[in-house]
Amino acid sequence: MSFNPETRRLSIGLDNGTISEFILSEDYNKMTSVKNYQAHQSRVTMILFVLELEWVLSTGQDKQFAWHCSESGQRLGGYRTSAVASGLQFDVETRHVFIGDHSGQVTILKLEQENCTLVTTFRGHTGGVTALCWDPVQRVLFSGSSDHSVIMWDIGGRKGTAIELQGHNDKVQALSYAQHTRQLISCGGDGGIVVWNMDVERQETPEWLDSDSCQKCDQPFFWNFKQMWDSKKIGLRQHHCRKCGKAVCGKCSSKRSSIPLMGFEFEVRVCDSCHEAITDEERAPTATFHDSKHNIVHVHFDATRGWLLTSGTDKVIKLWDMTPVVS
């Protein structure tokens, strides 16, 4: 569903691919059917109503993205995605649409009145994209995934910067952003509500380096038969330091540490030298964690009142006062 409070317009996507549009009465006790859009060949997965352009954007299980004129009901255009879409965001100023799908890919399209052009695609998750959130002020896109992570894509910086945030033990189900405080709220299947401070200078996680032997002690890894034979040593299992990205053995990476500025709020494997170099200030958390006590599937954040609404698989709706932490 997509609801616009200013016009009290409610758009509902159906299993048969139709989008039904209603106008709600002022007292919210009545809804009047306005029109139907034959948008997709199968179930509608996402809907966005854009008041400024009078457009209805949608995605479906038919792997189609479509947009319609809400005044005439006419279909303006479409685009076929590589997988079923599971996240949809739109930037009104530049008319860019962001589509996240089950393959883990994010597609950016530039929409015109009756056609669209592919701008780029990018991929950073090892699982499917489950949620998208766009900040039009800082021009950053947040994507949540079934791989338990959130990635912040710096679209406006034009440098390809991608910051990982690791704070959930299950798939990320929903994202909301408080622009006035630059805080991201992520909710997951683990019941966790995580409030991230995005007003800090974060660092990209390094690329993992490839090596046939430990880059600290030079012990061969178990597939390096030649060095194992030459040195008469048993091959070791390869690990990676989350701070420097070097390939290391278990002995040289026996320590664990949180690295909040890299998005690791939980303790992760680091090599011994990086563990010694990380200061207490660098270990200071940049997020707060709260237990919702239900598996969250949907979230709505009211920035004006500081209220967060969550609904879960337990068929319970909860209303949270977030003003103590989102401020």
C-alpha atoms as a PDB file:
ATOM      1  CA  MET A   1       0.000   0.000   0.000  1.00  0.00           C
ATOM      2  CA  SER A   2       0.956   3.643  -0.461  1.00  0.00           C
ATOM      3  CA  PHE A   3      -0.893   6.430   1.376  1.00  0.00           C
ATOM      4  CA  ASN A   4      -0.579  10.155   0.753  1.00  0.00           C
ATOM      5  CA  PRO A   5      -1.849  12.155   3.797  1.00  0.00           C
ATOM      6  CA  GLU A   6      -2.184  15.452   1.889  1.00  0.00           C
ATOM      7  CA  THR A   7      -4.650  14.085  -0.651  1.00  0.00           C
ATOM      8  CA  ARG A   8      -5.835  11.134   1.501  1.00  0.00           C
ATOM      9  CA  ARG A   9      -5.164   8.966  -1.532  1.00  0.00           C
ATOM     10  CA  LEU A  10      -4.666   5.252  -0.851  1.00  0.00           C
ATOM     11  CA  SER A  11      -3.148   2.981  -3.513  1.00  0.00           C
ATOM     12  CA  ILE A  12      -3.400  -0.764  -2.949  1.00  0.00           C
ATOM     13  CA  GLY A  13      -1.549  -3.402  -4.983  1.00  0.00           C
ATOM     14  CA  LEU A  14      -3.406  -6.668  -5.515  1.00  0.00           C
ATOM     15  CA  ASP A  15      -2.416 -10.273  -6.171  1.00  0.00           C
ATOM     16  CA  ASN A  16      -3.740 -10.111  -9.746  1.00  0.00           C
ATOM     17  CA  GLY A  17      -1.435  -7.188 -10.665  1.00  0.00           C
ATOM     18  CA  THR A  18      -4.089  -4.466 -10.398  1.00  0.00           C
ATOM     19  CA  ILE A  19      -3.541  -1.266  -8.394  1.00  0.00           C
ATOM     20  CA  SER A  20      -6.781   0.013  -6.836  1.00  0.00           C
ATOM     21  CA  GLU A  21      -6.952   3.677  -5.846  1.00  0.00           C
ATOM     22  CA  PHE A  22      -9.239   5.106  -3.159  1.00  0.00           C
ATOM     23  CA  ILE A  23      -9.863   8.500  -1.550  1.00  0.00           C
ATOM     24  CA  LEU A  24     -10.405   8.395   2.222  1.00  0.00           C
ATOM     25  CA  SER A  25     -12.919  10.681   3.911  1.00  0.00           C
ATOM     26  CA  GLU A  26     -11.712  13.370   6.327  1.00  0.00           C
ATOM     27  CA  ASP A  27     -12.797  11.327   9.356  1.00  0.00           C
ATOM     28  CA  TYR A  28     -11.164   8.167   7.874  1.00  0.00           C
ATOM     29  CA  ASN A  29     -14.455   6.261   8.188  1.00  0.00           C
ATOM     30  CA  LYS A  30     -15.125   5.864   4.475  1.00  0.00           C
ATOM     31  CA  MET A  31     -13.135   5.131   1.333  1.00  0.00           C
ATOM     32  CA  THR A  32     -14.338   5.860  -2.176  1.00  0.00           C
ATOM     33  CA  SER A  33     -13.039   3.919  -5.172  1.00  0.00           C
ATOM     34  CA  VAL A  34     -11.454   6.240  -7.764  1.00  0.00           C
ATOM     35  CA  LYS A  35      -9.791   4.073 -10.429  1.00  0.00           C
ATOM     36  CA  ASN A  36      -7.933   0.851 -11.180  1.00  0.00           C
ATOM     37  CA  TYR A  37      -4.604   0.516 -12.980  1.00  0.00           C
ATOM     38  CA  GLN A  38      -3.866  -2.713 -14.886  1.00  0.00           C
ATOM     39  CA  ALA A  39      -0.227  -2.430 -13.880  1.00  0.00           C
ATOM     40  CA  HIS A  40       1.219  -5.964 -13.767  1.00  0.00           C
ATOM     41  CA  GLN A  41       0.669  -9.564 -14.859  1.00  0.00           C
ATOM     42  CA  SER A  42       1.065 -10.909 -11.321  1.00  0.00           C
ATOM     43  CA  ARG A  43       1.202  -9.756  -7.691  1.00  0.00           C
ATOM     44  CA  VAL A  44       2.178  -6.125  -7.047  1.00  0.00           C
ATOM     45  CA  THR A  45       5.208  -5.989  -4.719  1.00  0.00           C
ATOM     46  CA  MET A  46       5.844  -2.235  -4.213  1.00  0.00           C
ATOM     47  CA  ILE A  47       3.909   1.037  -4.796  1.00  0.00           C
ATOM     48  CA  LEU A  48       4.942   4.692  -4.548  1.00  0.00           C
ATOM     49  CA  PHE A  49       2.646   7.647  -5.212  1.00  0.00           C
ATOM     50  CA  VAL A  50       4.522  10.816  -6.266  1.00  0.00           C
ATOM     51  CA  LEU A  51       2.261  13.808  -5.624  1.00  0.00           C
ATOM     52  CA  GLU A  52       4.563  16.378  -7.252  1.00  0.00           C
ATOM     53  CA  LEU A  53       4.391  14.612 -10.633  1.00  0.00           C
ATOM     54  CA  GLU A  54       1.038  12.824 -10.223  1.00  0.00           C
ATOM     55  CA  TRP A  55       2.759   9.496 -10.905  1.00  0.00           C
ATOM     56  CA  VAL A  56       2.119   6.041  -9.474  1.00  0.00           C
ATOM     57  CA  LEU A  57       5.281   3.896  -9.483  1.00  0.00           C
ATOM     58  CA  SER A  58       5.034   0.140  -8.978  1.00  0.00           C
ATOM     59  CA  THR A  59       6.863  -3.172  -9.233  1.00  0.00           C
ATOM     60  CA  GLY A  60       5.468  -6.681  -9.531  1.00  0.00           C
ATOM     61  CA  GLN A  61       6.363 -10.345  -9.391  1.00  0.00           C
ATOM     62  CA  ASP A  62       6.363 -10.230 -13.211  1.00  0.00           C
ATOM     63  CA  LYS A  63       9.793  -8.496 -12.853  1.00  0.00           C
ATOM     64  CA  GLN A  64       8.358  -5.309 -14.300  1.00  0.00           C
ATOM     65  CA  PHE A  65       8.717  -1.747 -13.039  1.00  0.00           C
ATOM     66  CA  ALA A  66       5.909   0.507 -14.303  1.00  0.00           C
ATOM     67  CA  TRP A  67       4.714   4.056 -13.815  1.00  0.00           C
ATOM     68  CA  HIS A  68       1.279   5.514 -14.514  1.00  0.00           C
ATOM     69  CA  CYS A  69      -0.245   8.985 -14.619  1.00  0.00           C
ATOM     70  CA  SER A  70      -2.582   9.185 -11.625  1.00  0.00           C
ATOM     71  CA  GLU A  71      -4.758  11.825 -13.330  1.00  0.00           C
ATOM     72  CA  SER A  72      -5.487   9.950 -16.573  1.00  0.00           C
ATOM     73  CA  GLY A  73      -4.710   6.402 -15.410  1.00  0.00           C
ATOM     74  CA  GLN A  74      -2.524   5.995 -18.517  1.00  0.00           C
ATOM     75  CA  ARG A  75       0.588   3.802 -18.399  1.00  0.00           C
ATOM     76  CA  LEU A  76       3.621   6.007 -19.079  1.00  0.00           C
ATOM     77  CA  GLY A  77       6.337   3.372 -19.346  1.00  0.00           C
ATOM     78  CA  GLY A  78       8.016   0.304 -17.949  1.00  0.00           C
ATOM     79  CA  TYR A  79      11.308  -1.492 -17.424  1.00  0.00           C
ATOM     80  CA  ARG A  80      12.115  -5.188 -16.903  1.00  0.00           C
ATOM     81  CA  THR A  81      14.316  -5.909 -13.867  1.00  0.00           C
ATOM     82  CA  SER A  82      16.698  -8.853 -13.506  1.00  0.00           C
ATOM     83  CA  ALA A  83      14.751 -10.280 -10.550  1.00  0.00           C
ATOM     84  CA  VAL A  84      11.571  -9.618  -8.562  1.00  0.00           C
ATOM     85  CA  ALA A  85      11.794  -6.156  -6.994  1.00  0.00           C
ATOM     86  CA  SER A  86      11.636  -5.839  -3.225  1.00  0.00           C
ATOM     87  CA  GLY A  87      12.555  -2.175  -2.693  1.00  0.00           C
ATOM     88  CA  LEU A  88      11.477   1.048  -4.424  1.00  0.00           C
ATOM     89  CA  GLN A  89      12.501   4.680  -3.835  1.00  0.00           C
ATOM     90  CA  PHE A  90      12.240   7.856  -5.925  1.00  0.00           C
ATOM     91  CA  ASP A  91      14.040  11.206  -6.040  1.00  0.00           C
ATOM     92  CA  VAL A  92      11.578  13.896  -7.126  1.00  0.00           C
ATOM     93  CA  GLU A  93      14.196  16.528  -7.958  1.00  0.00           C
ATOM     94  CA  THR A  94      16.220  14.450 -10.439  1.00  0.00           C
ATOM     95  CA  ARG A  95      13.479  11.912 -11.332  1.00  0.00           C
ATOM     96  CA  HIS A  96      15.720   8.977 -10.525  1.00  0.00           C
ATOM     97  CA  VAL A  97      14.097   5.742  -9.356  1.00  0.00           C
ATOM     98  CA  PHE A  98      15.971   3.169  -7.251  1.00  0.00           C
ATOM     99  CA  ILE A  99      14.891  -0.490  -7.503  1.00  0.00           C
ATOM    100  CA  GLY A 100      16.286  -3.205  -5.235  1.00  0.00           C
ATOM    101  CA  ASP A 101      15.626  -6.848  -6.112  1.00  0.00           C
ATOM    102  CA  HIS A 102      15.894 -10.396  -4.772  1.00  0.00           C
ATOM    103  CA  SER A 103      19.219 -10.987  -6.559  1.00  0.00           C
ATOM    104  CA  GLY A 104      20.882  -8.303  -4.406  1.00  0.00           C
ATOM    105  CA  GLN A 105      21.129  -5.784  -7.239  1.00  0.00           C
ATOM    106  CA  VAL A 106      20.103  -2.119  -7.104  1.00  0.00           C
ATOM    107  CA  THR A 107      19.056  -0.515 -10.414  1.00  0.00           C
ATOM    108  CA  ILE A 108      18.928   3.253 -10.999  1.00  0.00           C
ATOM    109  CA  LEU A 109      16.663   4.555 -13.779  1.00  0.00           C
ATOM    110  CA  LYS A 110      16.121   8.100 -15.039  1.00  0.00           C
ATOM    111  CA  LEU A 111      12.407   8.665 -15.713  1.00  0.00           C
ATOM    112  CA  GLU A 112      11.015  11.037 -18.320  1.00  0.00           C
ATOM    113  CA  GLN A 113       7.352  11.640 -19.096  1.00  0.00           C
ATOM    114  CA  GLU A 114       7.029   8.591 -21.324  1.00  0.00           C
ATOM    115  CA  ASN A 115      10.385   6.769 -21.302  1.00  0.00           C
ATOM    116  CA  CYS A 116      13.225   5.793 -19.015  1.00  0.00           C
ATOM    117  CA  THR A 117      16.965   5.246 -19.363  1.00  0.00           C
ATOM    118  CA  LEU A 118      19.197   2.922 -17.361  1.00  0.00           C
ATOM    119  CA  VAL A 119      21.743   4.964 -15.378  1.00  0.00           C
ATOM    120  CA  THR A 120      23.620   2.175 -13.601  1.00  0.00           C
ATOM    121  CA  THR A 121      23.330  -0.986 -11.533  1.00  0.00           C
ATOM    122  CA  PHE A 122      25.355  -1.899  -8.457  1.00  0.00           C
ATOM    123  CA  ARG A 123      25.655  -4.856  -6.162  1.00  0.00           C
ATOM    124  CA  GLY A 124      27.128  -5.106  -2.683  1.00  0.00           C
ATOM    125  CA  HIS A 125      24.952  -7.598  -0.800  1.00  0.00           C
ATOM    126  CA  THR A 126      25.421 -11.355  -0.726  1.00  0.00           C
ATOM    127  CA  GLY A 127      21.647 -11.767  -0.245  1.00  0.00           C
ATOM    128  CA  GLY A 128      18.557 -10.186  -1.739  1.00  0.00           C
ATOM    129  CA  VAL A 129      17.661  -6.547  -1.122  1.00  0.00           C
ATOM    130  CA  THR A 130      14.789  -6.381   1.371  1.00  0.00           C
ATOM    131  CA  ALA A 131      14.424  -2.611   1.923  1.00  0.00           C
ATOM    132  CA  LEU A 132      15.510   0.716   0.439  1.00  0.00           C
ATOM    133  CA  CYS A 133      15.550   4.210   1.961  1.00  0.00           C
ATOM    134  CA  TRP A 134      16.545   7.431   0.157  1.00  0.00           C
ATOM    135  CA  ASP A 135      17.847  10.634   1.756  1.00  0.00           C
ATOM    136  CA  PRO A 136      17.301  13.428  -0.807  1.00  0.00           C
ATOM    137  CA  VAL A 137      19.248  15.995   1.246  1.00  0.00           C
ATOM    138  CA  GLN A 138      22.560  14.141   1.671  1.00  0.00           C
ATOM    139  CA  ARG A 139      21.803  12.168  -1.522  1.00  0.00           C
ATOM    140  CA  VAL A 140      22.577   8.765  -0.056  1.00  0.00           C
ATOM    141  CA  LEU A 141      20.713   5.495  -0.558  1.00  0.00           C
ATOM    142  CA  PHE A 142      20.423   2.878   2.176  1.00  0.00           C
ATOM    143  CA  SER A 143      19.778  -0.763   1.292  1.00  0.00           C
ATOM    144  CA  GLY A 144      18.913  -3.545   3.732  1.00  0.00           C
ATOM    145  CA  SER A 145      19.349  -7.204   2.890  1.00  0.00           C
ATOM    146  CA  SER A 146      18.674 -10.784   3.864  1.00  0.00           C
ATOM    147  CA  ASP A 147      22.460 -11.029   4.461  1.00  0.00           C
ATOM    148  CA  HIS A 148      21.779  -9.134   7.766  1.00  0.00           C
ATOM    149  CA  SER A 149      23.595  -5.975   6.604  1.00  0.00           C
ATOM    150  CA  VAL A 150      22.770  -2.393   5.604  1.00  0.00           C
ATOM    151  CA  ILE A 151      24.823  -0.550   2.975  1.00  0.00           C
ATOM    152  CA  MET A 152      24.954   3.222   2.603  1.00  0.00           C
ATOM    153  CA  TRP A 153      25.566   4.171  -1.042  1.00  0.00           C
ATOM    154  CA  ASP A 154      26.899   7.722  -1.486  1.00  0.00           C
ATOM    155  CA  ILE A 155      25.108   8.642  -4.720  1.00  0.00           C
ATOM    156  CA  GLY A 156      25.658  12.407  -4.467  1.00  0.00           C
ATOM    157  CA  GLY A 157      29.397  12.174  -3.774  1.00  0.00           C
ATOM    158  CA  ARG A 158      29.972  10.502  -7.168  1.00  0.00           C
ATOM    159  CA  LYS A 159      32.964   8.556  -5.792  1.00  0.00           C
ATOM    160  CA  GLY A 160      31.300   5.151  -5.524  1.00  0.00           C
ATOM    161  CA  THR A 161      31.621   5.086  -1.733  1.00  0.00           C
ATOM    162  CA  ALA A 162      29.729   2.249  -0.031  1.00  0.00           C
ATOM    163  CA  ILE A 163      29.631   1.979   3.766  1.00  0.00           C
ATOM    164  CA  GLU A 164      28.570  -1.288   5.418  1.00  0.00           C
ATOM    165  CA  LEU A 165      26.572  -1.381   8.658  1.00  0.00           C
ATOM    166  CA  GLN A 166      26.527  -4.683  10.560  1.00  0.00           C
ATOM    167  CA  GLY A 167      24.110  -4.652  13.500  1.00  0.00           C
ATOM    168  CA  HIS A 168      21.535  -7.414  12.973  1.00  0.00           C
ATOM    169  CA  ASN A 169      21.522 -11.181  13.528  1.00  0.00           C
ATOM    170  CA  ASP A 170      18.772 -11.808  10.978  1.00  0.00           C
ATOM    171  CA  LYS A 171      17.605 -10.235   7.723  1.00  0.00           C
ATOM    172  CA  VAL A 172      16.934  -6.500   7.691  1.00  0.00           C
ATOM    173  CA  GLN A 173      13.201  -6.038   7.113  1.00  0.00           C
ATOM    174  CA  ALA A 174      12.665  -2.265   7.062  1.00  0.00           C
ATOM    175  CA  LEU A 175      14.540   1.069   6.997  1.00  0.00           C
ATOM    176  CA  SER A 176      13.532   4.615   7.955  1.00  0.00           C
ATOM    177  CA  TYR A 177      15.638   7.774   8.006  1.00  0.00           C
ATOM    178  CA  ALA A 178      15.357  10.819  10.285  1.00  0.00           C
ATOM    179  CA  GLN A 179      16.740  13.632   8.107  1.00  0.00           C
ATOM    180  CA  HIS A 180      16.738  16.290  10.838  1.00  0.00           C
ATOM    181  CA  THR A 181      19.062  14.256  13.092  1.00  0.00           C
ATOM    182  CA  ARG A 182      20.823  12.189  10.396  1.00  0.00           C
ATOM    183  CA  GLN A 183      19.901   8.918  12.073  1.00  0.00           C
ATOM    184  CA  LEU A 184      18.993   5.691  10.319  1.00  0.00           C
ATOM    185  CA  ILE A 185      16.518   3.274  11.883  1.00  0.00           C
ATOM    186  CA  SER A 186      16.857  -0.355  10.785  1.00  0.00           C
ATOM    187  CA  CYS A 187      14.556  -3.165  11.916  1.00  0.00           C
ATOM    188  CA  GLY A 188      15.135  -6.859  11.449  1.00  0.00           C
ATOM    189  CA  GLY A 189      13.754 -10.346  11.690  1.00  0.00           C
ATOM    190  CA  ASP A 190      15.731 -10.717  14.927  1.00  0.00           C
ATOM    191  CA  GLY A 191      13.369  -8.190  16.559  1.00  0.00           C
ATOM    192  CA  GLY A 192      16.128  -5.602  16.772  1.00  0.00           C
ATOM    193  CA  ILE A 193      15.557  -1.887  16.281  1.00  0.00           C
ATOM    194  CA  VAL A 194      18.931  -0.270  15.608  1.00  0.00           C
ATOM    195  CA  VAL A 195      19.355   3.521  15.544  1.00  0.00           C
ATOM    196  CA  TRP A 196      22.515   4.453  13.613  1.00  0.00           C
ATOM    197  CA  ASN A 197      24.259   7.815  13.966  1.00  0.00           C
ATOM    198  CA  MET A 198      25.061   8.768  10.364  1.00  0.00           C
ATOM    199  CA  ASP A 199      26.444  12.164  11.375  1.00  0.00           C
ATOM    200  CA  VAL A 200      29.919  10.676  11.875  1.00  0.00           C
ATOM    201  CA  GLU A 201      32.726  10.170   9.379  1.00  0.00           C
ATOM    202  CA  ARG A 202      32.501   6.484   8.531  1.00  0.00           C
ATOM    203  CA  GLN A 203      35.076   4.352   6.721  1.00  0.00           C
ATOM    204  CA  GLU A 204      34.669   1.859   3.897  1.00  0.00           C
ATOM    205  CA  THR A 205      35.416  -1.766   4.686  1.00  0.00           C
ATOM    206  CA  PRO A 206      38.542  -2.925   2.825  1.00  0.00           C
ATOM    207  CA  GLU A 207      38.533  -5.394  -0.053  1.00  0.00           C
ATOM    208  CA  TRP A 208      39.643  -8.856   1.075  1.00  0.00           C
ATOM    209  CA  LEU A 209      43.106  -9.631  -0.283  1.00  0.00           C
ATOM    210  CA  ASP A 210      43.990 -12.923  -1.978  1.00  0.00           C
ATOM    211  CA  SER A 211      47.053 -14.856  -0.864  1.00  0.00           C
ATOM    212  CA  ASP A 212      48.338 -18.435  -0.830  1.00  0.00           C
ATOM    213  CA  SER A 213      49.927 -17.920   2.578  1.00  0.00           C
ATOM    214  CA  CYS A 214      49.346 -15.877   5.732  1.00  0.00           C
ATOM    215  CA  GLN A 215      50.318 -12.270   5.105  1.00  0.00           C
ATOM    216  CA  LYS A 216      51.575 -11.992   8.680  1.00  0.00           C
ATOM    217  CA  CYS A 217      53.606 -15.162   9.401  1.00  0.00           C
ATOM    218  CA  ASP A 218      53.903 -16.592   5.838  1.00  0.00           C
ATOM    219  CA  GLN A 219      52.463 -19.988   6.858  1.00  0.00           C
ATOM    220  CA  PRO A 220      50.907 -21.684   3.784  1.00  0.00           C
ATOM    221  CA  PHE A 221      47.147 -22.086   3.479  1.00  0.00           C
ATOM    222  CA  PHE A 222      45.847 -25.622   2.976  1.00  0.00           C
ATOM    223  CA  TRP A 223      45.545 -25.407  -0.838  1.00  0.00           C
ATOM    224  CA  ASN A 224      49.152 -24.222  -1.275  1.00  0.00           C
ATOM    225  CA  PHE A 225      50.653 -27.706  -1.773  1.00  0.00           C
ATOM    226  CA  LYS A 226      54.008 -26.523  -3.118  1.00  0.00           C
ATOM    227  CA  GLN A 227      54.854 -24.319  -0.127  1.00  0.00           C
ATOM    228  CA  MET A 228      53.513 -26.993   2.261  1.00  0.00           C
ATOM    229  CA  TRP A 229      55.874 -29.532   0.680  1.00  0.00           C
ATOM    230  CA  ASP A 230      58.865 -27.155   0.545  1.00  0.00           C
ATOM    231  CA  SER A 231      58.481 -25.968   4.151  1.00  0.00           C
ATOM    232  CA  LYS A 232      57.276 -29.373   5.460  1.00  0.00           C
ATOM    233  CA  LYS A 233      54.355 -27.606   7.194  1.00  0.00           C
ATOM    234  CA  ILE A 234      50.678 -28.432   7.403  1.00  0.00           C
ATOM    235  CA  GLY A 235      48.445 -25.966   5.539  1.00  0.00           C
ATOM    236  CA  LEU A 236      46.232 -23.657   7.579  1.00  0.00           C
ATOM    237  CA  ARG A 237      42.725 -22.291   7.075  1.00  0.00           C
ATOM    238  CA  GLN A 238      42.472 -18.778   5.611  1.00  0.00           C
ATOM    239  CA  HIS A 239      40.737 -15.922   7.448  1.00  0.00           C
ATOM    240  CA  HIS A 240      40.539 -12.190   6.778  1.00  0.00           C
ATOM    241  CA  CYS A 241      41.097  -9.203   9.062  1.00  0.00           C
ATOM    242  CA  ARG A 242      37.986  -7.001   8.899  1.00  0.00           C
ATOM    243  CA  LYS A 243      40.034  -3.824   9.419  1.00  0.00           C
ATOM    244  CA  CYS A 244      42.922  -4.172   6.923  1.00  0.00           C
ATOM    245  CA  GLY A 245      41.534  -6.919   4.688  1.00  0.00           C
ATOM    246  CA  LYS A 246      44.695  -9.055   4.799  1.00  0.00           C
ATOM    247  CA  ALA A 247      44.554 -12.840   4.470  1.00  0.00           C
ATOM    248  CA  VAL A 248      45.714 -14.275   7.777  1.00  0.00           C
ATOM    249  CA  CYS A 249      45.789 -17.560   9.664  1.00  0.00           C
ATOM    250  CA  GLY A 250      43.860 -18.251  12.864  1.00  0.00           C
ATOM    251  CA  LYS A 251      46.935 -17.793  15.076  1.00  0.00           C
ATOM    252  CA  CYS A 252      47.615 -14.305  13.681  1.00  0.00           C
ATOM    253  CA  SER A 253      43.955 -13.274  14.037  1.00  0.00           C
ATOM    254  CA  SER A 254      42.998 -14.651  17.425  1.00  0.00           C
ATOM    255  CA  LYS A 255      41.604 -11.330  18.677  1.00  0.00           C
ATOM    256  CA  ARG A 256      38.128  -9.845  18.227  1.00  0.00           C
ATOM    257  CA  SER A 257      37.063  -6.206  18.276  1.00  0.00           C
ATOM    258  CA  SER A 258      34.159  -3.970  17.326  1.00  0.00           C
ATOM    259  CA  ILE A 259      34.978  -1.315  14.685  1.00  0.00           C
ATOM    260  CA  PRO A 260      31.919   0.981  14.762  1.00  0.00           C
ATOM    261  CA  LEU A 261      33.238   3.549  12.266  1.00  0.00           C
ATOM    262  CA  MET A 262      33.498   0.692   9.741  1.00  0.00           C
ATOM    263  CA  GLY A 263      29.966  -0.393  10.640  1.00  0.00           C
ATOM    264  CA  PHE A 264      30.957  -3.371  12.821  1.00  0.00           C
ATOM    265  CA  GLU A 265      29.012  -2.787  16.028  1.00  0.00           C
ATOM    266  CA  PHE A 266      29.577  -6.435  17.028  1.00  0.00           C
ATOM    267  CA  GLU A 267      33.025  -7.904  17.639  1.00  0.00           C
ATOM    268  CA  VAL A 268      34.643  -9.280  14.477  1.00  0.00           C
ATOM    269  CA  ARG A 269      37.918 -11.003  13.588  1.00  0.00           C
ATOM    270  CA  VAL A 270      40.939  -8.691  13.307  1.00  0.00           C
ATOM    271  CA  CYS A 271      44.645  -9.440  12.978  1.00  0.00           C
ATOM    272  CA  ASP A 272      46.774  -8.971  16.083  1.00  0.00           C
ATOM    273  CA  SER A 273      48.496  -5.800  14.825  1.00  0.00           C
ATOM    274  CA  CYS A 274      45.198  -4.111  13.946  1.00  0.00           C
ATOM    275  CA  HIS A 275      43.769  -5.116  17.350  1.00  0.00           C
ATOM    276  CA  GLU A 276      46.634  -3.275  19.067  1.00  0.00           C
ATOM    277  CA  ALA A 277      46.152  -0.219  16.832  1.00  0.00           C
ATOM    278  CA  ILE A 278      42.400   0.203  17.496  1.00  0.00           C
ATOM    279  CA  THR A 279      41.895   2.803  20.247  1.00  0.00           C
ATOM    280  CA  ASP A 280      39.121   2.917  22.856  1.00  0.00           C
ATOM    281  CA  GLU A 281      37.728   5.988  21.062  1.00  0.00           C
ATOM    282  CA  GLU A 282      37.463   3.973  17.840  1.00  0.00           C
ATOM    283  CA  ARG A 283      35.544   1.278  19.733  1.00  0.00           C
ATOM    284  CA  ALA A 284      32.923   3.770  20.958  1.00  0.00           C
ATOM    285  CA  PRO A 285      29.511   2.635  19.599  1.00  0.00           C
ATOM    286  CA  THR A 286      27.792   4.706  16.907  1.00  0.00           C
ATOM    287  CA  ALA A 287      24.437   2.932  17.235  1.00  0.00           C
ATOM    288  CA  THR A 288      21.915   2.069  19.941  1.00  0.00           C
ATOM    289  CA  PHE A 289      20.142  -1.287  20.115  1.00  0.00           C
ATOM    290  CA  HIS A 290      16.563  -1.949  21.215  1.00  0.00           C
ATOM    291  CA  ASP A 291      14.566  -5.188  21.398  1.00  0.00           C
ATOM    292  CA  SER A 292      11.070  -4.958  19.885  1.00  0.00           C
ATOM    293  CA  LYS A 293      10.246  -8.519  21.024  1.00  0.00           C
ATOM    294  CA  HIS A 294       8.651  -9.381  17.681  1.00  0.00           C
ATOM    295  CA  ASN A 295       9.749 -10.265  14.159  1.00  0.00           C
ATOM    296  CA  ILE A 296       9.280  -6.912  12.407  1.00  0.00           C
ATOM    297  CA  VAL A 297       7.917  -6.956   8.850  1.00  0.00           C
ATOM    298  CA  HIS A 298       6.819  -3.335   8.390  1.00  0.00           C
ATOM    299  CA  VAL A 299       7.857   0.042   9.813  1.00  0.00           C
ATOM    300  CA  HIS A 300       6.617   3.620   9.579  1.00  0.00           C
ATOM    301  CA  PHE A 301       8.442   6.529  11.230  1.00  0.00           C
ATOM    302  CA  ASP A 302       6.637   9.808  11.982  1.00  0.00           C
ATOM    303  CA  ALA A 303       9.501  12.311  12.187  1.00  0.00           C
ATOM    304  CA  THR A 304       7.217  15.131  13.404  1.00  0.00           C
ATOM    305  CA  ARG A 305       6.205  13.332  16.590  1.00  0.00           C
ATOM    306  CA  GLY A 306       9.182  10.991  16.822  1.00  0.00           C
ATOM    307  CA  TRP A 307       6.940   7.923  16.789  1.00  0.00           C
ATOM    308  CA  LEU A 308       7.852   4.594  15.229  1.00  0.00           C
ATOM    309  CA  LEU A 309       5.173   2.084  14.279  1.00  0.00           C
ATOM    310  CA  THR A 310       6.163  -1.562  13.834  1.00  0.00           C
ATOM    311  CA  SER A 311       4.083  -4.559  12.809  1.00  0.00           C
ATOM    312  CA  GLY A 312       5.267  -8.146  13.120  1.00  0.00           C
ATOM    313  CA  THR A 313       4.601 -11.736  12.178  1.00  0.00           C
ATOM    314  CA  ASP A 314       2.940 -12.089  15.606  1.00  0.00           C
ATOM    315  CA  LYS A 315       0.015  -9.974  14.219  1.00  0.00           C
ATOM    316  CA  VAL A 316       0.811  -7.240  16.753  1.00  0.00           C
ATOM    317  CA  ILE A 317       1.211  -3.538  15.963  1.00  0.00           C
ATOM    318  CA  LYS A 318       3.445  -1.580  18.343  1.00  0.00           C
ATOM    319  CA  LEU A 319       3.915   2.171  18.682  1.00  0.00           C
ATOM    320  CA  TRP A 320       7.256   3.411  20.019  1.00  0.00           C
ATOM    321  CA  ASP A 321       8.208   6.853  21.348  1.00  0.00           C
ATOM    322  CA  MET A 322      11.667   7.289  19.759  1.00  0.00           C
ATOM    323  CA  THR A 323      12.312  10.824  21.024  1.00  0.00           C
ATOM    324  CA  PRO A 324      14.823   9.692  23.720  1.00  0.00           C
ATOM    325  CA  VAL A 325      17.087   8.118  21.073  1.00  0.00           C
ATOM    326  CA  VAL A 326      16.242   9.967  17.832  1.00  0.00           C
ATOM    327  CA  SER A 327      17.276  13.457  18.826  1.00  0.00           C
END
